[in-house]
Amino acid sequence: MKERIAIIDGLRSPIAKANGKLNNVSADTLGAIITKELVLRNGIDYNLFDELIMGNVAQPANAANIARVLAIRAGFPNSLPAYTVHRNCASGMQSISSAIEKINSNQGDLYLVGGVESMSSIPLLHNDKFKDFMTRFTYARSVGEKLKLLSTFRASFLKPVIGLITGLTDPISGKIMGITAENLANEFKISRQAQDEYALNSHLKAQKAIEDGILAEEIHPIMTKDSSIVDDDGVRFNQTIGALSKLRPIFDRLSGTVTAGNSSQVSDGACSLIVCTESKAKELNIEPLGFVNDYAYAGLDANRMGLGPIYATKKLFDKTGTKLNELDVIEINEAFAAQVIANLEAFKSNDFCQKAFGCDAIGEIDESKLNVNGGAIALGHPVGMSGARIVLTALKELKRTNKKKALASLCVGGGQGASFLLEV
């Protein structure tokens, strides 16, 4: 880094279960609300920003380059350029690192970044048979040709392709994300009970963080024409191990251990951050929320994509010389309980680290520092938003507890990992 990169402030929406309270709020509208509120709270002139960069996965057809659409709706001038980035679950983090790269190449010093997702809005698609039928029907030249084609129509042509399932299925491995979690559960011998207990703790920690007003510090309520949403609504208050143990496996129904209860929730949400140089923050006379020390992305086998955090963190630690025991706060996105537990096991395993990296174990993660306010199993995982959300959550926790260093990391569908080293 040429200069320390400051995150002046951040703000997010409540995370809502898909097809629920934010069902009728488009991704661009949701992102615009949060972005506008963040800029106004910090009293920064819209014209001072160099660019807006936003992470998004589902890419709504009616808001192509959603970053530009929400920028205008948030009140930025037409002169502000904006673009959308997509790195699956790390899209929100990619927006931050893209801004940092622009800063380091002297293209600007003040950026609005973040991530947004409306998983409620991921569409049902026509299958190939219907598409081919409609194409031939459109180009038929005579009434006779059209009538002949109509006789070939079958009801099966109308069976939809579920966009959400297609999007959560890796085209290289052919596996839906839940099967990659089953792979890790088998590899690391993680029991169903251990996964359910992890999920239970995620809900209990999130419940306490809501009751204590901790999460409210990073949330801007969203009002809709039908209702309002103030808190993350996926948290199951007073969750029990008994309720979790009754759920059936959903990916491997015969012998699997991954259920809806020990997996992240499909959700809607938006998160925005203001990123700039440390000198720019001083010029604006704003004390930053914190700083990005460094970051790293790594690739790995898509069938074991959940191990992305250890691969990216090892790369980040090699770059920065950081040791695990130096961290005060650790956020690992909870795509699946099995995935987080597998990383905990891998970090402390000499055998794994020797095979993967040719070195001894990185160290044992202190679970009292991990996802202390709950994670995506309880809060939800709006895929384009989550990378930005865990950065914001980690920095807020450092600030709240007067601590210094944090790691924010997540696995990425398709076989990648992302890790950010943060400090206050």
Foldseek 3Di string as FASTA:
>chain_A
DVFFKFFQAKAKAFWEFAPPDCLPPDFLNQQLVRLLVVCVVLVDDLVQAQAEEEEEALQDPVQHQSQLSSCVVNPHDPPHYYGYAYQWLQRFVVQVVVVVVCVVVVSHFKYKYFYWFRLNPNDWAFDPVLVVLVVQLVPDDDPVSNVVSVVVDDPVRRDTHRRVQVSQAAPVVRHRPVQLLQVLCVVVVPALLLLLVLLVVLLVLQVVCVVVCNVLVRHDKDDDPVGIDRHQPQRDPPDDSVVVVPFACDRPRPDGRFGLLQFFGAITMIMMIMMGGPVVCVVSVGDGLWTFPDKFKFFDDLSNLLLQFVRRVVVVCVVVVDALVLAQAEEEARRGSSSVVSNQVLQQQQVNCCVPPVGGHSHHHDCCRYSSNHHRSRRHRSSRGRSNVQVNSRSSVCVVVVHFWYKYKYGRRPGMIMIIIITD
